[in-house]
Amino acid sequence: MNNKGFTLVELFCVIIILFAILGEIMCIAKCINSDWEPSYKREIIYGASALAGIGAIVGYINIPDVKKE
């Protein structure tokens, strides 16, 4: 039997992949738009996450800029 279109599992996989790509893009954008002044906590977390591939999750987390006084 020829099925046309997506099955529910295929559609679910496509949605998860799209959310992962969006999270990775958000992680890279947050890293680039950081203030790049000490402390570099936010920049290190976002940069390392984007390089390691877990930016798909970390991109959805808001990490505040913490300035040393």
PDB file of N, CA and C in Angstrom:
ATOM      1  N   MET A   1       0.838  -1.165   0.000  1.00  0.00           N
ATOM      2  CA  MET A   1       0.000   0.000   0.000  1.00  0.00           C
ATOM      3  C   MET A   1       0.888   1.234   0.000  1.00  0.00           C
ATOM      4  N   ASN A   2       0.626   2.157  -0.872  1.00  0.00           N
ATOM      5  CA  ASN A   2       1.392   3.402  -0.953  1.00  0.00           C
ATOM      6  C   ASN A   2       0.745   4.462  -0.078  1.00  0.00           C
ATOM      7  N   ASN A   3       1.510   4.910   0.913  1.00  0.00           N
ATOM      8  CA  ASN A   3       1.041   6.012   1.747  1.00  0.00           C
ATOM      9  C   ASN A   3       1.630   7.309   1.222  1.00  0.00           C
ATOM     10  N   LYS A   4       0.793   8.294   1.080  1.00  0.00           N
ATOM     11  CA  LYS A   4       1.268   9.591   0.633  1.00  0.00           C
ATOM     12  C   LYS A   4       1.261  10.539   1.832  1.00  0.00           C
ATOM     13  N   GLY A   5       2.291  11.368   1.910  1.00  0.00           N
ATOM     14  CA  GLY A   5       2.366  12.323   3.008  1.00  0.00           C
ATOM     15  C   GLY A   5       3.227  11.797   4.146  1.00  0.00           C
ATOM     16  N   PHE A   6       3.206  12.539   5.223  1.00  0.00           N
ATOM     17  CA  PHE A   6       4.017  12.207   6.390  1.00  0.00           C
ATOM     18  C   PHE A   6       3.229  11.375   7.379  1.00  0.00           C
ATOM     19  N   THR A   7       3.934  10.476   8.041  1.00  0.00           N
ATOM     20  CA  THR A   7       3.326   9.802   9.171  1.00  0.00           C
ATOM     21  C   THR A   7       3.502  10.706  10.379  1.00  0.00           C
ATOM     22  N   LEU A   8       2.860  10.381  11.468  1.00  0.00           N
ATOM     23  CA  LEU A   8       2.932  11.193  12.671  1.00  0.00           C
ATOM     24  C   LEU A   8       4.347  11.199  13.252  1.00  0.00           C
ATOM     25  N   VAL A   9       5.042  10.073  13.192  1.00  0.00           N
ATOM     26  CA  VAL A   9       6.411   9.980  13.715  1.00  0.00           C
ATOM     27  C   VAL A   9       7.357  10.846  12.887  1.00  0.00           C
ATOM     28  N   GLU A  10       7.228  10.815  11.585  1.00  0.00           N
ATOM     29  CA  GLU A  10       8.075  11.647  10.724  1.00  0.00           C
ATOM     30  C   GLU A  10       7.827  13.123  10.973  1.00  0.00           C
ATOM     31  N   LEU A  11       6.576  13.513  11.126  1.00  0.00           N
ATOM     32  CA  LEU A  11       6.230  14.901  11.403  1.00  0.00           C
ATOM     33  C   LEU A  11       6.798  15.344  12.747  1.00  0.00           C
ATOM     34  N   PHE A  12       6.718  14.480  13.741  1.00  0.00           N
ATOM     35  CA  PHE A  12       7.263  14.782  15.067  1.00  0.00           C
ATOM     36  C   PHE A  12       8.779  14.959  15.004  1.00  0.00           C
ATOM     37  N   CYS A  13       9.466  14.131  14.235  1.00  0.00           N
ATOM     38  CA  CYS A  13      10.915  14.260  14.071  1.00  0.00           C
ATOM     39  C   CYS A  13      11.288  15.570  13.383  1.00  0.00           C
ATOM     40  N   VAL A  14      10.536  15.967  12.387  1.00  0.00           N
ATOM     41  CA  VAL A  14      10.800  17.223  11.691  1.00  0.00           C
ATOM     42  C   VAL A  14      10.605  18.403  12.635  1.00  0.00           C
ATOM     43  N   ILE A  15       9.577  18.365  13.463  1.00  0.00           N
ATOM     44  CA  ILE A  15       9.328  19.448  14.418  1.00  0.00           C
ATOM     45  C   ILE A  15      10.453  19.542  15.437  1.00  0.00           C
ATOM     46  N   ILE A  16      10.926  18.417  15.945  1.00  0.00           N
ATOM     47  CA  ILE A  16      12.029  18.418  16.912  1.00  0.00           C
ATOM     48  C   ILE A  16      13.300  18.959  16.273  1.00  0.00           C
ATOM     49  N   ILE A  17      13.587  18.573  15.054  1.00  0.00           N
ATOM     50  CA  ILE A  17      14.780  19.065  14.356  1.00  0.00           C
ATOM     51  C   ILE A  17      14.687  20.570  14.128  1.00  0.00           C
ATOM     52  N   LEU A  18      13.512  21.068  13.777  1.00  0.00           N
ATOM     53  CA  LEU A  18      13.340  22.510  13.585  1.00  0.00           C
ATOM     54  C   LEU A  18      13.543  23.282  14.883  1.00  0.00           C
ATOM     55  N   PHE A  19      13.026  22.759  16.004  1.00  0.00           N
ATOM     56  CA  PHE A  19      13.240  23.403  17.291  1.00  0.00           C
ATOM     57  C   PHE A  19      14.715  23.372  17.687  1.00  0.00           C
ATOM     58  N   ALA A  20      15.415  22.299  17.363  1.00  0.00           N
ATOM     59  CA  ALA A  20      16.840  22.205  17.666  1.00  0.00           C
ATOM     60  C   ALA A  20      17.648  23.211  16.849  1.00  0.00           C
ATOM     61  N   ILE A  21      17.331  23.349  15.584  1.00  0.00           N
ATOM     62  CA  ILE A  21      18.030  24.324  14.737  1.00  0.00           C
ATOM     63  C   ILE A  21      17.741  25.743  15.218  1.00  0.00           C
ATOM     64  N   LEU A  22      16.502  26.023  15.576  1.00  0.00           N
ATOM     65  CA  LEU A  22      16.148  27.339  16.087  1.00  0.00           C
ATOM     66  C   LEU A  22      16.875  27.630  17.399  1.00  0.00           C
ATOM     67  N   GLY A  23      16.976  26.652  18.291  1.00  0.00           N
ATOM     68  CA  GLY A  23      17.698  26.832  19.547  1.00  0.00           C
ATOM     69  C   GLY A  23      19.179  27.097  19.321  1.00  0.00           C
ATOM     70  N   GLU A  24      19.760  26.404  18.359  1.00  0.00           N
ATOM     71  CA  GLU A  24      21.179  26.615  18.031  1.00  0.00           C
ATOM     72  C   GLU A  24      21.396  28.023  17.471  1.00  0.00           C
ATOM     73  N   ILE A  25      20.509  28.488  16.614  1.00  0.00           N
ATOM     74  CA  ILE A  25      20.610  29.842  16.071  1.00  0.00           C
ATOM     75  C   ILE A  25      20.441  30.878  17.181  1.00  0.00           C
ATOM     76  N   MET A  26      19.503  30.644  18.108  1.00  0.00           N
ATOM     77  CA  MET A  26      19.314  31.556  19.228  1.00  0.00           C
ATOM     78  C   MET A  26      20.551  31.596  20.119  1.00  0.00           C
ATOM     79  N   CYS A  27      21.190  30.452  20.321  1.00  0.00           N
ATOM     80  CA  CYS A  27      22.399  30.377  21.143  1.00  0.00           C
ATOM     81  C   CYS A  27      23.529  31.184  20.508  1.00  0.00           C
ATOM     82  N   ILE A  28      23.712  31.040  19.224  1.00  0.00           N
ATOM     83  CA  ILE A  28      24.762  31.789  18.524  1.00  0.00           C
ATOM     84  C   ILE A  28      24.458  33.283  18.545  1.00  0.00           C
ATOM     85  N   ALA A  29      23.196  33.653  18.351  1.00  0.00           N
ATOM     86  CA  ALA A  29      22.822  35.074  18.368  1.00  0.00           C
ATOM     87  C   ALA A  29      23.039  35.683  19.753  1.00  0.00           C
ATOM     88  N   LYS A  30      22.703  34.950  20.808  1.00  0.00           N
ATOM     89  CA  LYS A  30      22.915  35.456  22.158  1.00  0.00           C
ATOM     90  C   LYS A  30      24.400  35.593  22.474  1.00  0.00           C
ATOM     91  N   CYS A  31      25.215  34.698  21.940  1.00  0.00           N
ATOM     92  CA  CYS A  31      26.660  34.789  22.147  1.00  0.00           C
ATOM     93  C   CYS A  31      27.219  36.016  21.435  1.00  0.00           C
ATOM     94  N   ILE A  32      26.799  36.256  20.229  1.00  0.00           N
ATOM     95  CA  ILE A  32      27.294  37.397  19.453  1.00  0.00           C
ATOM     96  C   ILE A  32      26.824  38.714  20.059  1.00  0.00           C
ATOM     97  N   ASN A  33      25.596  38.766  20.548  1.00  0.00           N
ATOM     98  CA  ASN A  33      25.028  40.010  21.062  1.00  0.00           C
ATOM     99  C   ASN A  33      25.351  40.275  22.530  1.00  0.00           C
ATOM    100  N   SER A  34      26.207  39.482  23.142  1.00  0.00           N
ATOM    101  CA  SER A  34      26.615  39.725  24.524  1.00  0.00           C
ATOM    102  C   SER A  34      27.527  40.942  24.590  1.00  0.00           C
ATOM    103  N   ASP A  35      27.749  41.473  25.795  1.00  0.00           N
ATOM    104  CA  ASP A  35      28.520  42.715  25.922  1.00  0.00           C
ATOM    105  C   ASP A  35      30.036  42.512  25.827  1.00  0.00           C
ATOM    106  N   TRP A  36      30.529  41.311  25.964  1.00  0.00           N
ATOM    107  CA  TRP A  36      31.949  40.959  25.840  1.00  0.00           C
ATOM    108  C   TRP A  36      32.842  41.774  26.771  1.00  0.00           C
ATOM    109  N   GLU A  37      32.389  41.969  27.978  1.00  0.00           N
ATOM    110  CA  GLU A  37      33.189  42.587  29.021  1.00  0.00           C
ATOM    111  C   GLU A  37      33.202  41.645  30.214  1.00  0.00           C
ATOM    112  N   PRO A  38      34.243  41.744  31.066  1.00  0.00           N
ATOM    113  CA  PRO A  38      34.315  40.838  32.229  1.00  0.00           C
ATOM    114  C   PRO A  38      33.060  40.950  33.078  1.00  0.00           C
ATOM    115  N   SER A  39      32.554  39.949  33.617  1.00  0.00           N
ATOM    116  CA  SER A  39      32.857  38.531  33.547  1.00  0.00           C
ATOM    117  C   SER A  39      32.287  37.923  32.267  1.00  0.00           C
ATOM    118  N   TYR A  40      32.993  36.955  31.748  1.00  0.00           N
ATOM    119  CA  TYR A  40      32.627  36.359  30.459  1.00  0.00           C
ATOM    120  C   TYR A  40      31.756  35.115  30.621  1.00  0.00           C
ATOM    121  N   LYS A  41      31.031  35.021  31.709  1.00  0.00           N
ATOM    122  CA  LYS A  41      30.228  33.826  31.985  1.00  0.00           C
ATOM    123  C   LYS A  41      29.233  33.545  30.856  1.00  0.00           C
ATOM    124  N   ARG A  42      28.462  34.533  30.493  1.00  0.00           N
ATOM    125  CA  ARG A  42      27.432  34.372  29.449  1.00  0.00           C
ATOM    126  C   ARG A  42      28.058  33.995  28.116  1.00  0.00           C
ATOM    127  N   GLU A  43      29.140  34.663  27.750  1.00  0.00           N
ATOM    128  CA  GLU A  43      29.792  34.420  26.470  1.00  0.00           C
ATOM    129  C   GLU A  43      30.393  33.025  26.401  1.00  0.00           C
ATOM    130  N   ILE A  44      31.003  32.583  27.499  1.00  0.00           N
ATOM    131  CA  ILE A  44      31.613  31.251  27.533  1.00  0.00           C
ATOM    132  C   ILE A  44      30.549  30.168  27.444  1.00  0.00           C
ATOM    133  N   ILE A  45      29.468  30.330  28.188  1.00  0.00           N
ATOM    134  CA  ILE A  45      28.410  29.307  28.182  1.00  0.00           C
ATOM    135  C   ILE A  45      27.763  29.201  26.800  1.00  0.00           C
ATOM    136  N   TYR A  46      27.401  30.340  26.223  1.00  0.00           N
ATOM    137  CA  TYR A  46      26.756  30.301  24.910  1.00  0.00           C
ATOM    138  C   TYR A  46      27.724  29.852  23.816  1.00  0.00           C
ATOM    139  N   GLY A  47      28.967  30.316  23.868  1.00  0.00           N
ATOM    140  CA  GLY A  47      29.946  29.940  22.849  1.00  0.00           C
ATOM    141  C   GLY A  47      30.301  28.463  22.897  1.00  0.00           C
ATOM    142  N   ALA A  48      30.568  27.951  24.102  1.00  0.00           N
ATOM    143  CA  ALA A  48      30.906  26.538  24.241  1.00  0.00           C
ATOM    144  C   ALA A  48      29.717  25.647  23.886  1.00  0.00           C
ATOM    145  N   SER A  49      28.520  26.078  24.243  1.00  0.00           N
ATOM    146  CA  SER A  49      27.324  25.289  23.918  1.00  0.00           C
ATOM    147  C   SER A  49      27.086  25.227  22.415  1.00  0.00           C
ATOM    148  N   ALA A  50      27.324  26.333  21.737  1.00  0.00           N
ATOM    149  CA  ALA A  50      27.134  26.348  20.285  1.00  0.00           C
ATOM    150  C   ALA A  50      28.154  25.440  19.611  1.00  0.00           C
ATOM    151  N   LEU A  51      29.385  25.450  20.103  1.00  0.00           N
ATOM    152  CA  LEU A  51      30.422  24.602  19.509  1.00  0.00           C
ATOM    153  C   LEU A  51      30.224  23.126  19.837  1.00  0.00           C
ATOM    154  N   ALA A  52      29.727  22.836  21.022  1.00  0.00           N
ATOM    155  CA  ALA A  52      29.555  21.447  21.444  1.00  0.00           C
ATOM    156  C   ALA A  52      28.273  20.816  20.906  1.00  0.00           C
ATOM    157  N   GLY A  53      27.363  21.632  20.421  1.00  0.00           N
ATOM    158  CA  GLY A  53      26.134  21.086  19.862  1.00  0.00           C
ATOM    159  C   GLY A  53      24.961  21.068  20.818  1.00  0.00           C
ATOM    160  N   ILE A  54      25.167  21.487  22.068  1.00  0.00           N
ATOM    161  CA  ILE A  54      24.036  21.526  23.000  1.00  0.00           C
ATOM    162  C   ILE A  54      23.381  22.895  23.019  1.00  0.00           C
ATOM    163  N   GLY A  55      23.762  23.733  22.062  1.00  0.00           N
ATOM    164  CA  GLY A  55      23.131  25.035  21.927  1.00  0.00           C
ATOM    165  C   GLY A  55      21.659  24.926  21.593  1.00  0.00           C
ATOM    166  N   ALA A  56      21.235  23.788  21.094  1.00  0.00           N
ATOM    167  CA  ALA A  56      19.824  23.565  20.797  1.00  0.00           C
ATOM    168  C   ALA A  56      18.983  23.620  22.065  1.00  0.00           C
ATOM    169  N   ILE A  57      19.589  23.321  23.195  1.00  0.00           N
ATOM    170  CA  ILE A  57      18.889  23.384  24.480  1.00  0.00           C
ATOM    171  C   ILE A  57      19.208  24.695  25.183  1.00  0.00           C
ATOM    172  N   VAL A  58      20.488  25.068  25.217  1.00  0.00           N
ATOM    173  CA  VAL A  58      20.930  26.255  25.946  1.00  0.00           C
ATOM    174  C   VAL A  58      20.414  27.528  25.293  1.00  0.00           C
ATOM    175  N   GLY A  59      20.129  27.502  24.020  1.00  0.00           N
ATOM    176  CA  GLY A  59      19.606  28.675  23.330  1.00  0.00           C
ATOM    177  C   GLY A  59      18.280  29.158  23.885  1.00  0.00           C
ATOM    178  N   TYR A  60      17.526  28.270  24.504  1.00  0.00           N
ATOM    179  CA  TYR A  60      16.241  28.642  25.081  1.00  0.00           C
ATOM    180  C   TYR A  60      16.367  29.132  26.519  1.00  0.00           C
ATOM    181  N   ILE A  61      17.561  29.076  27.099  1.00  0.00           N
ATOM    182  CA  ILE A  61      17.786  29.497  28.480  1.00  0.00           C
ATOM    183  C   ILE A  61      18.327  30.919  28.475  1.00  0.00           C
ATOM    184  N   ASN A  62      17.771  31.775  29.331  1.00  0.00           N
ATOM    185  CA  ASN A  62      18.225  33.155  29.419  1.00  0.00           C
ATOM    186  C   ASN A  62      19.263  33.261  30.541  1.00  0.00           C
ATOM    187  N   ILE A  63      20.499  33.570  30.170  1.00  0.00           N
ATOM    188  CA  ILE A  63      21.576  33.737  31.135  1.00  0.00           C
ATOM    189  C   ILE A  63      21.875  35.230  31.207  1.00  0.00           C
ATOM    190  N   PRO A  64      21.728  35.848  32.389  1.00  0.00           N
ATOM    191  CA  PRO A  64      21.936  37.299  32.482  1.00  0.00           C
ATOM    192  C   PRO A  64      23.408  37.661  32.428  1.00  0.00           C
ATOM    193  N   ASP A  65      23.701  38.871  31.945  1.00  0.00           N
ATOM    194  CA  ASP A  65      25.070  39.405  31.994  1.00  0.00           C
ATOM    195  C   ASP A  65      25.365  39.832  33.414  1.00  0.00           C
ATOM    196  N   VAL A  66      26.477  39.352  33.961  1.00  0.00           N
ATOM    197  CA  VAL A  66      26.885  39.699  35.317  1.00  0.00           C
ATOM    198  C   VAL A  66      28.165  40.505  35.194  1.00  0.00           C
ATOM    199  N   LYS A  67      28.128  41.732  35.704  1.00  0.00           N
ATOM    200  CA  LYS A  67      29.295  42.596  35.624  1.00  0.00           C
ATOM    201  C   LYS A  67      30.021  42.591  36.957  1.00  0.00           C
ATOM    202  N   LYS A  68      31.349  42.489  36.891  1.00  0.00           N
ATOM    203  CA  LYS A  68      32.160  42.592  38.103  1.00  0.00           C
ATOM    204  C   LYS A  68      32.290  44.062  38.472  1.00  0.00           C
ATOM    205  N   GLU A  69      32.218  44.326  39.760  1.00  0.00           N
ATOM    206  CA  GLU A  69      32.349  45.714  40.206  1.00  0.00           C
ATOM    207  C   GLU A  69      33.669  45.959  40.844  1.00  0.00           C
TER     208      GLU A  69
END
